[in-house]
Amino acid sequence: MKIEHLKYKTRYFLQNWRMCAHLLIRTKRFGVNNKWWCSFDSIFGWPAWKIILGIILIRPIIVNYRMMRYRARIGFISLETLKNLGWDK
């Protein structure tokens, strides 16, 4: 991995860590639209027991990461950001 990609990824995830947490562990209100707390439930949100189970089993987090990358590729972030993150392949 190139150093530029690593620097960009670090900066990107530091700016959007709430959204990443929301997408990886599927919270209902935390991190929705990159806010601390949202007034409505996310359609992707899981109940607390399922979040805990997902963290313990690890596999759901890997699947959610893959889905996050897929969503990014189909137009949720710009092509330039995709290239800088190294997700354009």
N, C-alpha and C. Protein backbone atom coordinates (compact mmCIF):
# COMPACT_ATOMS: atom_id res chain seq x y z
N MET A 1 0.85 -1.18 0.00
CA MET A 1 0.00 0.00 0.00
C MET A 1 0.90 1.24 0.00
N LYS A 2 0.54 2.18 -0.83
CA LYS A 2 1.33 3.40 -0.91
C LYS A 2 1.11 4.26 0.33
N ILE A 3 2.12 5.02 0.67
CA ILE A 3 2.06 5.91 1.84
C ILE A 3 0.97 6.96 1.67
N GLU A 4 0.74 7.44 0.43
CA GLU A 4 -0.29 8.44 0.17
C GLU A 4 -1.67 7.88 0.50
N HIS A 5 -1.91 6.60 0.09
CA HIS A 5 -3.20 5.97 0.40
C HIS A 5 -3.39 5.85 1.90
N LEU A 6 -2.35 5.49 2.61
CA LEU A 6 -2.44 5.32 4.06
C LEU A 6 -2.73 6.65 4.75
N LYS A 7 -2.06 7.72 4.32
CA LYS A 7 -2.32 9.04 4.89
C LYS A 7 -3.75 9.48 4.60
N TYR A 8 -4.20 9.27 3.37
CA TYR A 8 -5.55 9.69 3.00
C TYR A 8 -6.59 8.88 3.76
N LYS A 9 -6.38 7.55 3.87
CA LYS A 9 -7.31 6.70 4.61
C LYS A 9 -7.41 7.12 6.06
N THR A 10 -6.27 7.40 6.67
CA THR A 10 -6.27 7.82 8.06
C THR A 10 -7.05 9.11 8.23
N ARG A 11 -6.80 10.10 7.39
CA ARG A 11 -7.51 11.37 7.48
C ARG A 11 -9.01 11.18 7.20
N TYR A 12 -9.34 10.37 6.21
CA TYR A 12 -10.75 10.14 5.86
C TYR A 12 -11.51 9.47 7.00
N PHE A 13 -10.90 8.41 7.59
CA PHE A 13 -11.59 7.70 8.66
C PHE A 13 -11.65 8.52 9.95
N LEU A 14 -10.67 9.39 10.19
CA LEU A 14 -10.75 10.27 11.35
C LEU A 14 -11.88 11.29 11.19
N GLN A 15 -12.12 11.74 9.98
CA GLN A 15 -13.20 12.69 9.72
C GLN A 15 -14.57 12.02 9.75
N ASN A 16 -14.63 10.75 9.36
CA ASN A 16 -15.92 10.06 9.21
C ASN A 16 -16.03 8.83 10.10
N TRP A 17 -15.41 8.84 11.27
CA TRP A 17 -15.38 7.65 12.12
C TRP A 17 -16.78 7.28 12.63
N ARG A 18 -17.64 8.27 12.83
CA ARG A 18 -18.99 7.96 13.32
C ARG A 18 -19.79 7.17 12.27
N MET A 19 -19.68 7.60 11.02
CA MET A 19 -20.37 6.90 9.94
C MET A 19 -19.80 5.49 9.76
N CYS A 20 -18.49 5.37 9.87
CA CYS A 20 -17.86 4.04 9.74
C CYS A 20 -18.32 3.12 10.86
N ALA A 21 -18.39 3.64 12.09
CA ALA A 21 -18.87 2.83 13.21
C ALA A 21 -20.32 2.41 12.98
N HIS A 22 -21.13 3.33 12.48
CA HIS A 22 -22.53 3.03 12.20
C HIS A 22 -22.66 1.91 11.16
N LEU A 23 -21.87 1.99 10.10
CA LEU A 23 -21.96 0.99 9.03
C LEU A 23 -21.35 -0.35 9.42
N LEU A 24 -20.30 -0.33 10.24
CA LEU A 24 -19.64 -1.58 10.61
C LEU A 24 -20.41 -2.38 11.66
N ILE A 25 -20.93 -1.69 12.68
CA ILE A 25 -21.64 -2.44 13.73
C ILE A 25 -23.15 -2.22 13.67
N ARG A 26 -23.60 -1.49 12.67
CA ARG A 26 -25.02 -1.29 12.38
C ARG A 26 -25.81 -0.71 13.56
N THR A 27 -25.39 0.45 14.02
CA THR A 27 -26.11 1.12 15.10
C THR A 27 -27.43 1.68 14.57
N LYS A 28 -28.37 1.88 15.48
CA LYS A 28 -29.67 2.41 15.06
C LYS A 28 -29.66 3.93 14.93
N ARG A 29 -29.00 4.63 15.87
CA ARG A 29 -29.03 6.09 15.85
C ARG A 29 -27.66 6.75 15.90
N PHE A 30 -26.67 6.08 16.46
CA PHE A 30 -25.32 6.67 16.56
C PHE A 30 -24.64 6.65 15.20
N GLY A 31 -24.12 7.80 14.78
CA GLY A 31 -23.35 7.87 13.55
C GLY A 31 -24.15 7.96 12.28
N VAL A 32 -25.48 7.94 12.36
CA VAL A 32 -26.30 8.05 11.16
C VAL A 32 -26.08 9.44 10.56
N ASN A 33 -25.77 9.49 9.29
CA ASN A 33 -25.44 10.73 8.57
C ASN A 33 -24.26 11.44 9.20
N ASN A 34 -23.36 10.67 9.84
CA ASN A 34 -22.14 11.17 10.47
C ASN A 34 -22.43 12.14 11.61
N LYS A 35 -23.59 11.98 12.26
CA LYS A 35 -23.94 12.78 13.43
C LYS A 35 -23.67 11.95 14.68
N TRP A 36 -23.52 12.65 15.82
CA TRP A 36 -23.35 11.91 17.07
C TRP A 36 -24.58 11.07 17.35
N TRP A 37 -25.76 11.66 17.19
CA TRP A 37 -27.00 10.98 17.52
C TRP A 37 -28.08 11.50 16.59
N CYS A 38 -28.86 10.61 16.04
CA CYS A 38 -29.88 11.02 15.08
C CYS A 38 -31.26 10.83 15.71
N SER A 39 -32.22 11.60 15.28
CA SER A 39 -33.56 11.53 15.86
C SER A 39 -34.40 10.40 15.29
N PHE A 40 -33.94 9.74 14.24
CA PHE A 40 -34.70 8.63 13.66
C PHE A 40 -33.82 7.39 13.56
N ASP A 41 -34.45 6.24 13.58
CA ASP A 41 -33.72 4.97 13.47
C ASP A 41 -33.26 4.74 12.03
N SER A 42 -32.10 4.14 11.90
CA SER A 42 -31.59 3.76 10.59
C SER A 42 -32.26 2.46 10.15
N ILE A 43 -32.50 2.31 8.86
CA ILE A 43 -33.10 1.07 8.37
C ILE A 43 -32.10 -0.07 8.45
N PHE A 44 -30.81 0.26 8.58
CA PHE A 44 -29.77 -0.76 8.67
C PHE A 44 -29.44 -1.13 10.11
N GLY A 45 -30.05 -0.45 11.09
CA GLY A 45 -29.71 -0.64 12.49
C GLY A 45 -30.12 -1.99 13.05
N TRP A 46 -29.30 -2.51 13.94
CA TRP A 46 -29.56 -3.78 14.62
C TRP A 46 -29.89 -3.52 16.08
N PRO A 47 -30.62 -4.44 16.73
CA PRO A 47 -30.81 -4.32 18.18
C PRO A 47 -29.48 -4.57 18.91
N ALA A 48 -29.41 -4.15 20.17
CA ALA A 48 -28.14 -4.22 20.94
C ALA A 48 -27.60 -5.64 21.02
N TRP A 49 -28.46 -6.65 21.21
CA TRP A 49 -27.97 -8.03 21.35
C TRP A 49 -27.29 -8.51 20.07
N LYS A 50 -27.81 -8.06 18.93
CA LYS A 50 -27.23 -8.48 17.65
C LYS A 50 -25.90 -7.77 17.40
N ILE A 51 -25.78 -6.52 17.83
CA ILE A 51 -24.52 -5.79 17.71
C ILE A 51 -23.44 -6.48 18.54
N ILE A 52 -23.77 -6.84 19.78
CA ILE A 52 -22.82 -7.52 20.66
C ILE A 52 -22.40 -8.86 20.06
N LEU A 53 -23.37 -9.60 19.57
CA LEU A 53 -23.08 -10.89 18.94
C LEU A 53 -22.19 -10.71 17.71
N GLY A 54 -22.45 -9.67 16.93
CA GLY A 54 -21.64 -9.38 15.74
C GLY A 54 -20.20 -9.06 16.10
N ILE A 55 -19.99 -8.31 17.19
CA ILE A 55 -18.64 -7.98 17.63
C ILE A 55 -17.91 -9.25 18.10
N ILE A 56 -18.61 -10.11 18.82
CA ILE A 56 -18.00 -11.34 19.32
C ILE A 56 -17.63 -12.28 18.17
N LEU A 57 -18.51 -12.42 17.20
CA LEU A 57 -18.28 -13.37 16.10
C LEU A 57 -17.34 -12.85 15.02
N ILE A 58 -17.12 -11.56 14.94
CA ILE A 58 -16.22 -10.88 14.01
C ILE A 58 -16.67 -10.97 12.55
N ARG A 59 -17.16 -12.10 12.10
CA ARG A 59 -17.56 -12.26 10.70
C ARG A 59 -18.57 -11.20 10.24
N PRO A 60 -19.60 -10.88 11.04
CA PRO A 60 -20.53 -9.84 10.57
C PRO A 60 -19.85 -8.49 10.33
N ILE A 61 -18.81 -8.17 11.09
CA ILE A 61 -18.09 -6.92 10.88
C ILE A 61 -17.37 -6.96 9.54
N ILE A 62 -16.78 -8.10 9.19
CA ILE A 62 -16.10 -8.24 7.90
C ILE A 62 -17.10 -8.11 6.75
N VAL A 63 -18.26 -8.73 6.89
CA VAL A 63 -19.31 -8.62 5.87
C VAL A 63 -19.78 -7.18 5.75
N ASN A 64 -19.97 -6.50 6.89
CA ASN A 64 -20.41 -5.10 6.86
C ASN A 64 -19.35 -4.20 6.23
N TYR A 65 -18.07 -4.50 6.44
CA TYR A 65 -16.99 -3.73 5.81
C TYR A 65 -17.05 -3.89 4.29
N ARG A 66 -17.26 -5.12 3.85
CA ARG A 66 -17.38 -5.36 2.41
C ARG A 66 -18.58 -4.61 1.82
N MET A 67 -19.69 -4.58 2.56
CA MET A 67 -20.87 -3.85 2.10
C MET A 67 -20.61 -2.35 2.07
N MET A 68 -19.84 -1.86 3.04
CA MET A 68 -19.49 -0.44 3.07
C MET A 68 -18.68 -0.09 1.82
N ARG A 69 -17.73 -0.93 1.47
CA ARG A 69 -16.94 -0.70 0.26
C ARG A 69 -17.81 -0.79 -0.99
N TYR A 70 -18.74 -1.74 -1.03
CA TYR A 70 -19.64 -1.88 -2.18
C TYR A 70 -20.49 -0.62 -2.34
N ARG A 71 -21.07 -0.15 -1.24
CA ARG A 71 -21.89 1.07 -1.31
C ARG A 71 -21.07 2.25 -1.80
N ALA A 72 -19.81 2.32 -1.37
CA ALA A 72 -18.95 3.42 -1.80
C ALA A 72 -18.73 3.35 -3.32
N ARG A 73 -18.58 2.15 -3.84
CA ARG A 73 -18.31 1.98 -5.28
C ARG A 73 -19.52 2.31 -6.16
N ILE A 74 -20.72 2.14 -5.64
CA ILE A 74 -21.90 2.37 -6.49
C ILE A 74 -22.37 3.82 -6.46
N GLY A 75 -21.56 4.71 -5.90
CA GLY A 75 -21.87 6.12 -6.04
C GLY A 75 -22.11 6.90 -4.77
N PHE A 76 -21.85 6.35 -3.61
CA PHE A 76 -22.09 7.09 -2.39
C PHE A 76 -20.95 8.05 -2.06
N ILE A 77 -19.76 7.83 -2.61
CA ILE A 77 -18.67 8.79 -2.47
C ILE A 77 -18.07 9.03 -3.85
N SER A 78 -17.34 10.11 -3.97
CA SER A 78 -16.83 10.51 -5.29
C SER A 78 -15.76 9.54 -5.80
N LEU A 79 -15.56 9.56 -7.10
CA LEU A 79 -14.56 8.71 -7.74
C LEU A 79 -13.16 9.06 -7.26
N GLU A 80 -12.91 10.34 -7.06
CA GLU A 80 -11.60 10.78 -6.57
C GLU A 80 -11.33 10.21 -5.17
N THR A 81 -12.32 10.23 -4.29
CA THR A 81 -12.17 9.67 -2.95
C THR A 81 -11.95 8.17 -3.02
N LEU A 82 -12.68 7.51 -3.91
CA LEU A 82 -12.47 6.06 -4.10
C LEU A 82 -11.04 5.73 -4.50
N LYS A 83 -10.50 6.51 -5.43
CA LYS A 83 -9.12 6.27 -5.88
C LYS A 83 -8.14 6.54 -4.75
N ASN A 84 -8.36 7.60 -3.98
CA ASN A 84 -7.45 7.92 -2.88
C ASN A 84 -7.51 6.88 -1.77
N LEU A 85 -8.66 6.25 -1.57
CA LEU A 85 -8.78 5.21 -0.56
C LEU A 85 -8.26 3.87 -1.07
N GLY A 86 -8.10 3.75 -2.37
CA GLY A 86 -7.64 2.50 -2.96
C GLY A 86 -8.77 1.49 -3.16
N TRP A 87 -10.02 1.97 -3.18
CA TRP A 87 -11.18 1.11 -3.32
C TRP A 87 -11.73 1.08 -4.75
N ASP A 88 -11.03 1.64 -5.68
CA ASP A 88 -11.54 1.73 -7.05
C ASP A 88 -11.32 0.45 -7.84
N LYS A 89 -10.69 -0.54 -7.27
CA LYS A 89 -10.40 -1.78 -7.99
C LYS A 89 -11.49 -2.80 -7.77
